Amino acid sequence: MEEGATTIYEGIGTGKGAEGDSGGVGGVMEGSPVTTRLLLSVVLATLAVNAQAGKSEQPTEQYLCIADQSIGFEYNKIAKQWGGARFEAGSKYVISKSKDPNAAFQITEGGVSSPIGLCGQGFDDAGYLVCNIVFGTFTFHKSNGRFIRSNPFGYAEVGPDSIVKSDEETDTPYMEIGKCSPF
């Protein structure tokens, strides 16, 4: 380094500063243009990082829901009548922010990427989220973490003027209940 030259670190925090520097705050605020530029660069970089952090998205609100119980009705082809039935529980659903601009949330079923339903209004004042899904509804209460999914399609849709002509061809109406946890 040449004689009489100063480094960008000289005088920082000493109160002495570089040659011609009257000290100021640790010799930084009043003094060498290099030192002042360094401090200004650090302050601006810090402000930029903080501004960027403020713009980052809030954590996405999403829930994993797992069915505990599933019941419904099924048509017994041998007895030729409808009766109560228990179905295997364990279905998994994810409630997440909707990619559709006309809905607040969407419901996807375990392992499927496209939603099975949309929740247009989001949570109401009481904490309920009501969603229209394929062949039914999905209702979730945020405070207690419980959900109920209903699929009433199958029993009433049978008849000569309907798509389904006989009970043997119809779906089984069912209802699932379970719990959701945020993740």
N, C-alpha and C. Protein backbone atom coordinates (compact mmCIF):
# COMPACT_ATOMS: atom_id res chain seq x y z
N MET A 1 0.85 -1.16 0.00
CA MET A 1 0.00 0.00 0.00
C MET A 1 0.90 1.23 0.00
N GLU A 2 0.47 2.27 -0.72
CA GLU A 2 1.26 3.49 -0.80
C GLU A 2 1.24 4.23 0.52
N GLU A 3 2.31 4.96 0.76
CA GLU A 3 2.40 5.74 1.99
C GLU A 3 1.30 6.80 2.00
N GLY A 4 0.59 6.92 3.12
CA GLY A 4 -0.47 7.91 3.26
C GLY A 4 -1.83 7.42 2.79
N ALA A 5 -1.88 6.21 2.15
CA ALA A 5 -3.16 5.67 1.67
C ALA A 5 -3.90 5.06 2.85
N THR A 6 -5.19 5.02 2.75
CA THR A 6 -6.00 4.43 3.83
C THR A 6 -6.76 3.24 3.28
N THR A 7 -7.08 2.30 4.15
CA THR A 7 -7.89 1.15 3.75
C THR A 7 -9.35 1.47 4.06
N ILE A 8 -10.22 0.67 3.53
CA ILE A 8 -11.64 0.91 3.80
C ILE A 8 -12.00 0.57 5.24
N TYR A 9 -11.15 -0.17 5.93
CA TYR A 9 -11.43 -0.53 7.32
C TYR A 9 -10.83 0.43 8.32
N GLU A 10 -9.91 1.24 7.90
CA GLU A 10 -9.16 2.10 8.81
C GLU A 10 -10.10 3.09 9.49
N GLY A 11 -10.05 3.14 10.77
CA GLY A 11 -10.82 4.12 11.53
C GLY A 11 -12.19 3.64 11.94
N ILE A 12 -12.66 2.50 11.43
CA ILE A 12 -14.00 2.04 11.81
C ILE A 12 -13.98 1.61 13.26
N GLY A 13 -14.80 2.23 14.06
CA GLY A 13 -14.96 1.88 15.47
C GLY A 13 -13.86 2.41 16.36
N THR A 14 -12.91 3.19 15.87
CA THR A 14 -11.82 3.66 16.72
C THR A 14 -12.02 5.08 17.18
N GLY A 15 -12.83 5.81 16.49
CA GLY A 15 -13.00 7.22 16.82
C GLY A 15 -11.90 8.09 16.24
N LYS A 16 -10.94 7.46 15.56
CA LYS A 16 -9.81 8.22 15.02
C LYS A 16 -10.01 8.52 13.55
N GLY A 17 -10.48 7.57 12.79
CA GLY A 17 -10.72 7.80 11.37
C GLY A 17 -9.45 7.85 10.57
N ALA A 18 -9.62 8.03 9.27
CA ALA A 18 -8.49 8.15 8.36
C ALA A 18 -8.01 9.58 8.38
N GLU A 19 -6.90 9.80 7.68
CA GLU A 19 -6.31 11.14 7.65
C GLU A 19 -7.36 12.13 7.13
N GLY A 20 -7.51 13.22 7.85
CA GLY A 20 -8.49 14.23 7.46
C GLY A 20 -9.87 13.94 8.00
N ASP A 21 -10.02 12.84 8.71
CA ASP A 21 -11.32 12.45 9.27
C ASP A 21 -11.39 13.01 10.67
N SER A 22 -12.47 13.65 10.99
CA SER A 22 -12.60 14.24 12.32
C SER A 22 -13.18 13.25 13.31
N GLY A 23 -13.34 12.05 12.93
CA GLY A 23 -13.80 11.02 13.87
C GLY A 23 -15.26 10.71 13.65
N GLY A 24 -16.15 11.56 14.05
CA GLY A 24 -17.58 11.28 13.93
C GLY A 24 -17.94 10.07 14.76
N VAL A 25 -18.90 9.29 14.29
CA VAL A 25 -19.31 8.08 14.98
C VAL A 25 -18.34 6.98 14.58
N GLY A 26 -17.37 6.72 15.44
CA GLY A 26 -16.39 5.68 15.15
C GLY A 26 -15.56 6.02 13.93
N GLY A 27 -15.50 7.26 13.54
CA GLY A 27 -14.69 7.65 12.40
C GLY A 27 -15.32 7.27 11.08
N VAL A 28 -16.59 6.90 11.06
CA VAL A 28 -17.19 6.41 9.84
C VAL A 28 -18.05 7.47 9.16
N MET A 29 -18.86 8.18 9.90
CA MET A 29 -19.82 9.09 9.29
C MET A 29 -19.17 10.30 8.64
N GLU A 30 -18.14 10.78 9.23
CA GLU A 30 -17.45 11.93 8.64
C GLU A 30 -16.08 11.44 8.26
N GLY A 31 -15.77 11.42 7.07
CA GLY A 31 -14.42 10.98 6.76
C GLY A 31 -14.27 10.54 5.36
N SER A 32 -13.43 9.54 5.24
CA SER A 32 -13.02 9.11 3.92
C SER A 32 -14.24 8.72 3.10
N PRO A 33 -14.24 9.10 1.85
CA PRO A 33 -15.35 8.75 0.98
C PRO A 33 -15.51 7.24 0.85
N VAL A 34 -14.41 6.50 0.91
CA VAL A 34 -14.48 5.04 0.79
C VAL A 34 -15.22 4.45 1.97
N THR A 35 -14.90 4.92 3.18
CA THR A 35 -15.55 4.42 4.39
C THR A 35 -17.03 4.78 4.38
N THR A 36 -17.36 5.97 3.98
CA THR A 36 -18.75 6.41 3.94
C THR A 36 -19.53 5.59 2.93
N ARG A 37 -18.92 5.35 1.78
CA ARG A 37 -19.59 4.53 0.76
C ARG A 37 -19.81 3.11 1.25
N LEU A 38 -18.85 2.57 1.97
CA LEU A 38 -18.97 1.22 2.51
C LEU A 38 -20.16 1.14 3.46
N LEU A 39 -20.24 2.10 4.37
CA LEU A 39 -21.34 2.10 5.33
C LEU A 39 -22.68 2.26 4.61
N LEU A 40 -22.73 3.16 3.66
CA LEU A 40 -23.95 3.37 2.90
C LEU A 40 -24.35 2.11 2.15
N SER A 41 -23.39 1.40 1.60
CA SER A 41 -23.67 0.15 0.88
C SER A 41 -24.25 -0.90 1.82
N VAL A 42 -23.67 -1.01 3.03
CA VAL A 42 -24.16 -1.98 4.01
C VAL A 42 -25.59 -1.65 4.42
N VAL A 43 -25.86 -0.37 4.69
CA VAL A 43 -27.21 0.06 5.10
C VAL A 43 -28.20 -0.22 3.98
N LEU A 44 -27.87 0.13 2.75
CA LEU A 44 -28.78 -0.11 1.63
C LEU A 44 -29.01 -1.60 1.39
N ALA A 45 -27.97 -2.40 1.52
CA ALA A 45 -28.12 -3.84 1.35
C ALA A 45 -29.04 -4.43 2.43
N THR A 46 -28.88 -3.95 3.66
CA THR A 46 -29.74 -4.41 4.75
C THR A 46 -31.19 -4.03 4.50
N LEU A 47 -31.42 -2.81 4.07
CA LEU A 47 -32.78 -2.37 3.75
C LEU A 47 -33.38 -3.18 2.62
N ALA A 48 -32.60 -3.49 1.61
CA ALA A 48 -33.10 -4.28 0.49
C ALA A 48 -33.49 -5.69 0.94
N VAL A 49 -32.65 -6.30 1.79
CA VAL A 49 -32.96 -7.64 2.29
C VAL A 49 -34.23 -7.61 3.12
N ASN A 50 -34.37 -6.62 4.01
CA ASN A 50 -35.57 -6.51 4.83
C ASN A 50 -36.80 -6.25 3.98
N ALA A 51 -36.70 -5.42 2.96
CA ALA A 51 -37.84 -5.15 2.08
C ALA A 51 -38.26 -6.41 1.34
N GLN A 52 -37.28 -7.18 0.89
CA GLN A 52 -37.58 -8.42 0.19
C GLN A 52 -38.24 -9.42 1.13
N ALA A 53 -37.78 -9.49 2.37
CA ALA A 53 -38.37 -10.40 3.35
C ALA A 53 -39.81 -10.01 3.62
N GLY A 54 -40.10 -8.73 3.64
CA GLY A 54 -41.47 -8.27 3.87
C GLY A 54 -42.39 -8.61 2.73
N LYS A 55 -41.84 -8.78 1.52
CA LYS A 55 -42.66 -9.10 0.36
C LYS A 55 -42.89 -10.59 0.20
N SER A 56 -42.14 -11.41 0.93
CA SER A 56 -42.28 -12.85 0.74
C SER A 56 -43.68 -13.29 1.16
N GLU A 57 -44.12 -14.38 0.55
CA GLU A 57 -45.47 -14.86 0.80
C GLU A 57 -45.60 -15.34 2.23
N GLN A 58 -46.80 -15.19 2.76
CA GLN A 58 -47.11 -15.75 4.06
C GLN A 58 -47.15 -17.27 3.90
N PRO A 59 -46.91 -18.01 4.98
CA PRO A 59 -47.00 -19.46 4.86
C PRO A 59 -48.38 -19.86 4.35
N THR A 60 -48.41 -20.82 3.46
CA THR A 60 -49.67 -21.26 2.88
C THR A 60 -50.45 -22.03 3.93
N GLU A 61 -51.72 -21.68 4.07
CA GLU A 61 -52.59 -22.38 5.00
C GLU A 61 -53.05 -23.67 4.33
N GLN A 62 -52.66 -24.80 4.90
CA GLN A 62 -53.08 -26.08 4.36
C GLN A 62 -53.22 -27.11 5.47
N TYR A 63 -54.06 -28.10 5.20
CA TYR A 63 -54.40 -29.11 6.21
C TYR A 63 -54.38 -30.49 5.58
N LEU A 64 -53.93 -31.48 6.35
CA LEU A 64 -54.02 -32.88 5.96
C LEU A 64 -55.17 -33.48 6.75
N CYS A 65 -56.12 -34.08 6.05
CA CYS A 65 -57.30 -34.66 6.68
C CYS A 65 -57.31 -36.16 6.44
N ILE A 66 -57.57 -36.92 7.51
CA ILE A 66 -57.61 -38.38 7.42
C ILE A 66 -58.93 -38.87 8.01
N ALA A 67 -59.65 -39.68 7.23
CA ALA A 67 -60.94 -40.21 7.66
C ALA A 67 -60.74 -41.28 8.73
N ASP A 68 -61.52 -41.14 9.83
CA ASP A 68 -61.50 -42.12 10.92
C ASP A 68 -62.56 -43.20 10.73
N GLN A 69 -63.71 -42.80 10.19
CA GLN A 69 -64.83 -43.72 10.00
C GLN A 69 -65.54 -43.41 8.70
N SER A 70 -66.12 -44.45 8.11
CA SER A 70 -66.86 -44.30 6.87
C SER A 70 -68.05 -45.25 6.89
N ILE A 71 -69.24 -44.67 6.73
CA ILE A 71 -70.47 -45.48 6.71
C ILE A 71 -71.33 -45.06 5.53
N GLY A 72 -72.29 -45.88 5.21
CA GLY A 72 -73.19 -45.53 4.12
C GLY A 72 -74.22 -46.61 3.89
N PHE A 73 -74.66 -46.66 2.65
CA PHE A 73 -75.67 -47.63 2.23
C PHE A 73 -75.18 -48.31 0.97
N GLU A 74 -75.49 -49.60 0.87
CA GLU A 74 -75.15 -50.31 -0.35
C GLU A 74 -76.29 -51.25 -0.71
N TYR A 75 -76.36 -51.51 -1.99
CA TYR A 75 -77.41 -52.40 -2.50
C TYR A 75 -76.89 -53.83 -2.48
N ASN A 76 -77.66 -54.70 -1.82
CA ASN A 76 -77.32 -56.12 -1.75
C ASN A 76 -78.01 -56.80 -2.93
N LYS A 77 -77.22 -57.26 -3.88
CA LYS A 77 -77.77 -57.85 -5.10
C LYS A 77 -78.46 -59.19 -4.84
N ILE A 78 -78.03 -59.90 -3.80
CA ILE A 78 -78.65 -61.20 -3.49
C ILE A 78 -80.00 -60.96 -2.82
N ALA A 79 -80.03 -60.09 -1.79
CA ALA A 79 -81.28 -59.81 -1.07
C ALA A 79 -82.16 -58.83 -1.83
N LYS A 80 -81.60 -58.17 -2.84
CA LYS A 80 -82.29 -57.17 -3.64
C LYS A 80 -82.91 -56.07 -2.78
N GLN A 81 -82.05 -55.55 -1.88
CA GLN A 81 -82.48 -54.43 -1.05
C GLN A 81 -81.27 -53.63 -0.57
N TRP A 82 -81.57 -52.39 -0.18
CA TRP A 82 -80.54 -51.50 0.35
C TRP A 82 -80.37 -51.76 1.83
N GLY A 83 -79.15 -51.62 2.31
CA GLY A 83 -78.87 -51.79 3.73
C GLY A 83 -77.67 -50.95 4.15
N GLY A 84 -77.55 -50.79 5.44
CA GLY A 84 -76.42 -50.04 5.99
C GLY A 84 -75.11 -50.77 5.75
N ALA A 85 -74.05 -50.00 5.66
CA ALA A 85 -72.75 -50.61 5.40
C ALA A 85 -71.64 -49.77 6.05
N ARG A 86 -70.59 -50.46 6.45
CA ARG A 86 -69.37 -49.79 6.94
C ARG A 86 -68.33 -49.97 5.85
N PHE A 87 -67.61 -48.88 5.59
CA PHE A 87 -66.56 -48.92 4.58
C PHE A 87 -65.21 -48.70 5.24
N GLU A 88 -64.19 -49.08 4.55
CA GLU A 88 -62.83 -48.90 5.07
C GLU A 88 -62.53 -47.41 5.19
N ALA A 89 -62.06 -47.00 6.36
CA ALA A 89 -61.68 -45.61 6.58
C ALA A 89 -60.21 -45.43 6.20
N GLY A 90 -59.74 -44.20 6.32
CA GLY A 90 -58.34 -43.93 6.03
C GLY A 90 -58.11 -43.05 4.82
N SER A 91 -59.18 -42.65 4.14
CA SER A 91 -59.00 -41.75 3.00
C SER A 91 -58.28 -40.49 3.46
N LYS A 92 -57.43 -39.97 2.59
CA LYS A 92 -56.66 -38.76 2.92
C LYS A 92 -57.01 -37.64 1.95
N TYR A 93 -57.14 -36.44 2.52
CA TYR A 93 -57.46 -35.26 1.74
C TYR A 93 -56.52 -34.13 2.15
N VAL A 94 -56.26 -33.23 1.22
CA VAL A 94 -55.47 -32.04 1.52
C VAL A 94 -56.32 -30.81 1.19
N ILE A 95 -56.44 -29.93 2.17
CA ILE A 95 -57.08 -28.64 1.96
C ILE A 95 -55.95 -27.64 1.77
N SER A 96 -55.98 -26.92 0.66
CA SER A 96 -54.92 -25.94 0.39
C SER A 96 -55.50 -24.74 -0.35
N LYS A 97 -54.72 -23.67 -0.41
CA LYS A 97 -55.14 -22.49 -1.16
C LYS A 97 -55.42 -22.90 -2.60
N SER A 98 -56.49 -22.37 -3.16
CA SER A 98 -56.89 -22.77 -4.50
C SER A 98 -56.05 -22.09 -5.58
N LYS A 99 -55.80 -22.82 -6.63
CA LYS A 99 -55.14 -22.26 -7.80
C LYS A 99 -56.17 -21.59 -8.71
N ASP A 100 -57.44 -21.87 -8.46
CA ASP A 100 -58.54 -21.25 -9.21
C ASP A 100 -58.85 -19.90 -8.59
N PRO A 101 -58.81 -18.82 -9.37
CA PRO A 101 -59.06 -17.49 -8.79
C PRO A 101 -60.48 -17.28 -8.27
N ASN A 102 -61.40 -18.19 -8.62
CA ASN A 102 -62.79 -18.07 -8.16
C ASN A 102 -63.06 -18.85 -6.87
N ALA A 103 -62.03 -19.43 -6.29
CA ALA A 103 -62.20 -20.21 -5.06
C ALA A 103 -61.09 -19.88 -4.09
N ALA A 104 -61.41 -19.92 -2.80
CA ALA A 104 -60.43 -19.64 -1.76
C ALA A 104 -59.54 -20.85 -1.47
N PHE A 105 -60.14 -22.03 -1.41
CA PHE A 105 -59.42 -23.27 -1.11
C PHE A 105 -59.82 -24.35 -2.09
N GLN A 106 -59.02 -25.41 -2.11
CA GLN A 106 -59.35 -26.58 -2.91
C GLN A 106 -59.11 -27.83 -2.08
N ILE A 107 -59.79 -28.91 -2.46
CA ILE A 107 -59.64 -30.21 -1.81
C ILE A 107 -59.05 -31.17 -2.83
N THR A 108 -57.95 -31.82 -2.45
CA THR A 108 -57.40 -32.88 -3.28
C THR A 108 -57.42 -34.17 -2.48
N GLU A 109 -57.57 -35.27 -3.19
CA GLU A 109 -57.61 -36.57 -2.53
C GLU A 109 -56.25 -37.22 -2.64
N GLY A 110 -55.84 -37.92 -1.58
CA GLY A 110 -54.53 -38.54 -1.48
C GLY A 110 -53.91 -39.01 -2.78
N GLY A 111 -52.81 -38.41 -3.15
CA GLY A 111 -52.06 -38.82 -4.32
C GLY A 111 -52.55 -38.28 -5.65
N VAL A 112 -53.66 -37.56 -5.67
CA VAL A 112 -54.21 -37.02 -6.91
C VAL A 112 -53.88 -35.53 -6.97
N SER A 113 -53.36 -35.07 -8.09
CA SER A 113 -52.94 -33.67 -8.17
C SER A 113 -54.09 -32.72 -8.49
N SER A 114 -55.07 -33.16 -9.25
CA SER A 114 -56.18 -32.26 -9.58
C SER A 114 -57.21 -32.29 -8.45
N PRO A 115 -57.79 -31.13 -8.15
CA PRO A 115 -58.74 -31.06 -7.02
C PRO A 115 -60.04 -31.82 -7.30
N ILE A 116 -60.60 -32.37 -6.22
CA ILE A 116 -61.91 -33.01 -6.33
C ILE A 116 -63.00 -32.02 -5.95
N GLY A 117 -62.61 -30.85 -5.45
CA GLY A 117 -63.60 -29.85 -5.09
C GLY A 117 -62.99 -28.50 -4.79
N LEU A 118 -63.85 -27.48 -4.83
CA LEU A 118 -63.43 -26.11 -4.56
C LEU A 118 -64.28 -25.52 -3.44
N CYS A 119 -63.65 -24.63 -2.69
CA CYS A 119 -64.30 -23.96 -1.56
C CYS A 119 -64.33 -22.47 -1.89
N GLY A 120 -65.43 -22.01 -2.43
CA GLY A 120 -65.53 -20.66 -2.96
C GLY A 120 -65.34 -19.54 -1.98
N GLN A 121 -65.94 -19.63 -0.81
CA GLN A 121 -65.96 -18.50 0.11
C GLN A 121 -64.85 -18.49 1.15
N GLY A 122 -64.16 -19.55 1.37
CA GLY A 122 -63.18 -19.60 2.44
C GLY A 122 -63.88 -19.83 3.78
N PHE A 123 -63.16 -19.63 4.86
CA PHE A 123 -63.71 -19.86 6.20
C PHE A 123 -64.73 -18.78 6.54
N ASP A 124 -65.86 -19.19 7.15
CA ASP A 124 -66.83 -18.18 7.61
C ASP A 124 -66.44 -17.71 9.01
N ASP A 125 -67.22 -16.81 9.57
CA ASP A 125 -66.91 -16.23 10.88
C ASP A 125 -66.86 -17.26 12.01
N ALA A 126 -67.58 -18.36 11.84
CA ALA A 126 -67.59 -19.41 12.87
C ALA A 126 -66.47 -20.42 12.68
N GLY A 127 -65.67 -20.29 11.61
CA GLY A 127 -64.55 -21.19 11.38
C GLY A 127 -64.85 -22.37 10.48
N TYR A 128 -66.00 -22.36 9.82
CA TYR A 128 -66.37 -23.46 8.92
C TYR A 128 -65.90 -23.18 7.50
N LEU A 129 -65.46 -24.23 6.84
CA LEU A 129 -65.12 -24.20 5.43
C LEU A 129 -66.01 -25.22 4.75
N VAL A 130 -66.87 -24.78 3.84
CA VAL A 130 -67.80 -25.67 3.15
C VAL A 130 -67.40 -25.70 1.67
N CYS A 131 -67.17 -26.91 1.17
CA CYS A 131 -66.67 -27.07 -0.19
C CYS A 131 -67.58 -28.00 -0.99
N ASN A 132 -67.81 -27.63 -2.23
CA ASN A 132 -68.51 -28.51 -3.16
C ASN A 132 -67.48 -29.40 -3.82
N ILE A 133 -67.69 -30.71 -3.68
CA ILE A 133 -66.76 -31.66 -4.27
C ILE A 133 -67.54 -32.53 -5.25
N VAL A 134 -66.82 -33.35 -6.01
CA VAL A 134 -67.47 -34.24 -6.95
C VAL A 134 -68.43 -35.15 -6.18
N PHE A 135 -69.69 -35.09 -6.54
CA PHE A 135 -70.76 -35.90 -5.94
C PHE A 135 -71.01 -35.65 -4.46
N GLY A 136 -70.75 -34.45 -3.96
CA GLY A 136 -71.07 -34.22 -2.55
C GLY A 136 -70.51 -32.94 -1.98
N THR A 137 -70.31 -32.97 -0.66
CA THR A 137 -69.77 -31.81 0.05
C THR A 137 -68.68 -32.26 1.03
N PHE A 138 -67.83 -31.30 1.35
CA PHE A 138 -66.77 -31.51 2.33
C PHE A 138 -66.83 -30.30 3.25
N THR A 139 -67.05 -30.55 4.55
CA THR A 139 -67.15 -29.47 5.52
C THR A 139 -66.07 -29.68 6.59
N PHE A 140 -65.35 -28.61 6.88
CA PHE A 140 -64.25 -28.65 7.85
C PHE A 140 -64.43 -27.51 8.84
N HIS A 141 -64.21 -27.81 10.12
CA HIS A 141 -64.26 -26.78 11.16
C HIS A 141 -62.83 -26.55 11.66
N LYS A 142 -62.36 -25.32 11.48
CA LYS A 142 -60.98 -24.97 11.79
C LYS A 142 -60.64 -25.12 13.27
N SER A 143 -61.55 -24.77 14.17
CA SER A 143 -61.27 -24.77 15.61
C SER A 143 -61.06 -26.17 16.18
N ASN A 144 -61.91 -27.11 15.78
CA ASN A 144 -61.77 -28.45 16.36
C ASN A 144 -61.07 -29.44 15.43
N GLY A 145 -60.78 -29.02 14.19
CA GLY A 145 -60.05 -29.87 13.26
C GLY A 145 -60.84 -31.02 12.67
N ARG A 146 -62.16 -31.03 12.86
CA ARG A 146 -62.98 -32.14 12.35
C ARG A 146 -63.51 -31.84 10.95
N PHE A 147 -63.69 -32.92 10.19
CA PHE A 147 -64.32 -32.77 8.88
C PHE A 147 -65.37 -33.85 8.68
N ILE A 148 -66.27 -33.58 7.75
CA ILE A 148 -67.26 -34.56 7.33
C ILE A 148 -67.38 -34.44 5.81
N ARG A 149 -67.30 -35.58 5.16
CA ARG A 149 -67.47 -35.62 3.71
C ARG A 149 -68.71 -36.46 3.43
N SER A 150 -69.59 -35.94 2.62
CA SER A 150 -70.78 -36.71 2.25
C SER A 150 -70.83 -36.88 0.75
N ASN A 151 -71.25 -38.07 0.35
CA ASN A 151 -71.46 -38.40 -1.05
C ASN A 151 -72.84 -39.04 -1.15
N PRO A 152 -73.88 -38.24 -1.36
CA PRO A 152 -75.23 -38.79 -1.37
C PRO A 152 -75.62 -39.43 -2.71
N PHE A 153 -74.74 -39.37 -3.68
CA PHE A 153 -75.07 -39.86 -5.01
C PHE A 153 -75.21 -41.37 -5.00
N GLY A 154 -76.29 -41.86 -5.59
CA GLY A 154 -76.41 -43.30 -5.76
C GLY A 154 -77.78 -43.87 -5.48
N TYR A 155 -78.47 -43.43 -4.50
CA TYR A 155 -79.74 -44.05 -4.15
C TYR A 155 -80.90 -43.40 -4.91
N ALA A 156 -80.98 -42.09 -4.87
CA ALA A 156 -82.11 -41.38 -5.47
C ALA A 156 -82.02 -41.26 -6.98
N GLU A 157 -80.86 -41.47 -7.56
CA GLU A 157 -80.68 -41.26 -9.00
C GLU A 157 -81.12 -42.44 -9.87
N VAL A 158 -81.75 -43.44 -9.30
CA VAL A 158 -82.14 -44.64 -10.04
C VAL A 158 -83.55 -44.47 -10.59
N GLY A 159 -83.75 -44.88 -11.83
CA GLY A 159 -85.09 -44.85 -12.41
C GLY A 159 -85.06 -44.91 -13.92
N PRO A 160 -86.22 -45.13 -14.53
CA PRO A 160 -86.27 -45.27 -15.99
C PRO A 160 -85.86 -43.99 -16.74
N ASP A 161 -86.05 -42.82 -16.13
CA ASP A 161 -85.69 -41.57 -16.79
C ASP A 161 -84.32 -41.04 -16.33
N SER A 162 -83.63 -41.80 -15.52
CA SER A 162 -82.34 -41.38 -14.98
C SER A 162 -81.19 -42.01 -15.77
N ILE A 163 -80.00 -41.51 -15.49
CA ILE A 163 -78.80 -42.09 -16.11
C ILE A 163 -78.61 -43.52 -15.64
N VAL A 164 -78.86 -43.76 -14.35
CA VAL A 164 -78.72 -45.09 -13.76
C VAL A 164 -80.10 -45.74 -13.79
N LYS A 165 -80.19 -46.89 -14.44
CA LYS A 165 -81.49 -47.53 -14.65
C LYS A 165 -81.90 -48.49 -13.53
N SER A 166 -80.92 -49.03 -12.78
CA SER A 166 -81.27 -50.00 -11.73
C SER A 166 -80.38 -49.84 -10.52
N ASP A 167 -80.85 -50.38 -9.39
CA ASP A 167 -80.07 -50.32 -8.16
C ASP A 167 -78.73 -51.05 -8.29
N GLU A 168 -78.69 -52.11 -9.10
CA GLU A 168 -77.45 -52.88 -9.27
C GLU A 168 -76.34 -52.03 -9.91
N GLU A 169 -76.71 -51.01 -10.66
CA GLU A 169 -75.74 -50.20 -11.39
C GLU A 169 -75.32 -48.93 -10.65
N THR A 170 -75.96 -48.65 -9.54
CA THR A 170 -75.76 -47.35 -8.89
C THR A 170 -74.57 -47.33 -7.93
N ASP A 171 -74.19 -46.12 -7.57
CA ASP A 171 -73.14 -45.92 -6.56
C ASP A 171 -73.70 -46.15 -5.17
N THR A 172 -72.80 -46.21 -4.20
CA THR A 172 -73.20 -46.36 -2.81
C THR A 172 -73.05 -45.04 -2.08
N PRO A 173 -74.14 -44.45 -1.60
CA PRO A 173 -74.03 -43.20 -0.83
C PRO A 173 -73.26 -43.47 0.47
N TYR A 174 -72.40 -42.52 0.85
CA TYR A 174 -71.62 -42.72 2.07
C TYR A 174 -71.26 -41.38 2.70
N MET A 175 -70.75 -41.49 3.93
CA MET A 175 -70.31 -40.34 4.69
C MET A 175 -69.04 -40.73 5.44
N GLU A 176 -68.07 -39.81 5.46
CA GLU A 176 -66.84 -40.04 6.19
C GLU A 176 -66.67 -38.93 7.23
N ILE A 177 -66.09 -39.27 8.36
CA ILE A 177 -65.71 -38.27 9.35
C ILE A 177 -64.24 -38.50 9.70
N GLY A 178 -63.59 -37.41 10.12
CA GLY A 178 -62.20 -37.54 10.48
C GLY A 178 -61.63 -36.24 11.00
N LYS A 179 -60.31 -36.19 11.11
CA LYS A 179 -59.61 -35.04 11.67
C LYS A 179 -58.62 -34.48 10.65
N CYS A 180 -58.43 -33.16 10.75
CA CYS A 180 -57.47 -32.46 9.91
C CYS A 180 -56.44 -31.79 10.79
N SER A 181 -55.21 -31.76 10.32
CA SER A 181 -54.12 -31.08 11.03
C SER A 181 -53.42 -30.14 10.08
N PRO A 182 -53.06 -28.94 10.57
CA PRO A 182 -52.31 -28.04 9.69
C PRO A 182 -50.91 -28.59 9.44
N PHE A 183 -50.37 -28.30 8.28
CA PHE A 183 -48.98 -28.68 7.98
C PHE A 183 -48.35 -27.68 7.06
